[in-house]
Amino acid sequence: MSTTELAWFKSSYSGSQGDSCVEVAFTEQAICVRDSKDVTRPHFAFGREEWFRFVRFAAGT
């Protein structure tokens, strides 16, 4: 699946400037993450369990 086919979104906590955000897209196989400042660069893909482990860590739970 190409990056243009993915439904990318930013966090609701992203500032109005939008200059320092990451974007996330979900697929059946992975969670994709890219830099919103340069969407032409390759994205990272994580397995669902790896992603949820990261989110729990970032949330401090």
C-alpha atoms as a PDB file:
ATOM      1  CA  MET A   1       0.000   0.000   0.000  1.00  0.00           C
ATOM      2  CA  SER A   2       1.478   3.370  -0.947  1.00  0.00           C
ATOM      3  CA  THR A   3       1.608   6.277   1.470  1.00  0.00           C
ATOM      4  CA  THR A   4      -0.914   8.209  -0.624  1.00  0.00           C
ATOM      5  CA  GLU A   5      -3.478   5.440  -0.101  1.00  0.00           C
ATOM      6  CA  LEU A   6      -3.201   5.568   3.688  1.00  0.00           C
ATOM      7  CA  ALA A   7      -5.520   7.696   5.825  1.00  0.00           C
ATOM      8  CA  TRP A   8      -2.953   9.805   7.716  1.00  0.00           C
ATOM      9  CA  PHE A   9      -3.958  11.876  10.753  1.00  0.00           C
ATOM     10  CA  LYS A  10      -2.330  14.094  13.366  1.00  0.00           C
ATOM     11  CA  SER A  11      -2.954  14.130  17.086  1.00  0.00           C
ATOM     12  CA  SER A  12      -5.589  16.486  18.425  1.00  0.00           C
ATOM     13  CA  TYR A  13      -2.764  17.778  20.650  1.00  0.00           C
ATOM     14  CA  SER A  14      -0.839  19.039  17.616  1.00  0.00           C
ATOM     15  CA  GLY A  15      -0.343  22.773  17.602  1.00  0.00           C
ATOM     16  CA  SER A  16      -2.076  25.034  15.108  1.00  0.00           C
ATOM     17  CA  GLN A  17       1.247  25.638  13.330  1.00  0.00           C
ATOM     18  CA  GLY A  18       1.527  21.959  12.390  1.00  0.00           C
ATOM     19  CA  ASP A  19       5.283  22.262  12.060  1.00  0.00           C
ATOM     20  CA  SER A  20       6.460  19.655  14.546  1.00  0.00           C
ATOM     21  CA  CYS A  21       4.060  16.752  14.307  1.00  0.00           C
ATOM     22  CA  VAL A  22       4.038  13.183  13.295  1.00  0.00           C
ATOM     23  CA  GLU A  23       1.203  11.610  11.359  1.00  0.00           C
ATOM     24  CA  VAL A  24      -0.143   8.124  11.955  1.00  0.00           C
ATOM     25  CA  ALA A  25      -2.033   5.719   9.696  1.00  0.00           C
ATOM     26  CA  PHE A  26      -3.462   2.323  10.595  1.00  0.00           C
ATOM     27  CA  THR A  27      -3.441  -0.742   8.361  1.00  0.00           C
ATOM     28  CA  GLU A  28      -4.479  -4.299   9.147  1.00  0.00           C
ATOM     29  CA  GLN A  29      -0.833  -5.317   9.481  1.00  0.00           C
ATOM     30  CA  ALA A  30       0.848  -2.268  11.010  1.00  0.00           C
ATOM     31  CA  ILE A  31       0.771   1.227  12.422  1.00  0.00           C
ATOM     32  CA  CYS A  32       2.605   3.653  10.124  1.00  0.00           C
ATOM     33  CA  VAL A  33       4.266   6.841  11.354  1.00  0.00           C
ATOM     34  CA  ARG A  34       5.729   9.678   9.288  1.00  0.00           C
ATOM     35  CA  ASP A  35       7.119  13.186   9.719  1.00  0.00           C
ATOM     36  CA  SER A  36       4.435  15.723   8.794  1.00  0.00           C
ATOM     37  CA  LYS A  37       7.074  18.254   7.724  1.00  0.00           C
ATOM     38  CA  ASP A  38       8.345  16.009   4.919  1.00  0.00           C
ATOM     39  CA  VAL A  39       5.763  13.471   3.832  1.00  0.00           C
ATOM     40  CA  THR A  40       7.931  12.398   0.886  1.00  0.00           C
ATOM     41  CA  ARG A  41      10.367  10.610   3.198  1.00  0.00           C
ATOM     42  CA  PRO A  42       9.813   6.933   4.023  1.00  0.00           C
ATOM     43  CA  HIS A  43       7.540   6.143   6.939  1.00  0.00           C
ATOM     44  CA  PHE A  44       8.133   3.773   9.846  1.00  0.00           C
ATOM     45  CA  ALA A  45       5.868   0.766  10.351  1.00  0.00           C
ATOM     46  CA  PHE A  46       5.303  -0.967  13.677  1.00  0.00           C
ATOM     47  CA  GLY A  47       3.367  -4.061  14.624  1.00  0.00           C
ATOM     48  CA  ARG A  48       0.200  -3.405  16.622  1.00  0.00           C
ATOM     49  CA  GLU A  49       1.605  -4.774  19.880  1.00  0.00           C
ATOM     50  CA  GLU A  50       4.789  -2.717  19.515  1.00  0.00           C
ATOM     51  CA  TRP A  51       2.730   0.424  18.863  1.00  0.00           C
ATOM     52  CA  PHE A  52       0.417  -0.114  21.835  1.00  0.00           C
ATOM     53  CA  ARG A  53       3.435  -0.814  24.075  1.00  0.00           C
ATOM     54  CA  PHE A  54       4.933   2.531  22.958  1.00  0.00           C
ATOM     55  CA  VAL A  55       1.665   4.396  23.573  1.00  0.00           C
ATOM     56  CA  ARG A  56       1.332   2.908  27.067  1.00  0.00           C
ATOM     57  CA  PHE A  57       4.938   3.898  27.823  1.00  0.00           C
ATOM     58  CA  ALA A  58       4.431   7.441  26.493  1.00  0.00           C
ATOM     59  CA  ALA A  59       1.253   7.809  28.543  1.00  0.00           C
ATOM     60  CA  GLY A  60       3.096   6.688  31.671  1.00  0.00           C
ATOM     61  CA  THR A  61       0.811   3.727  32.360  1.00  0.00           C
END
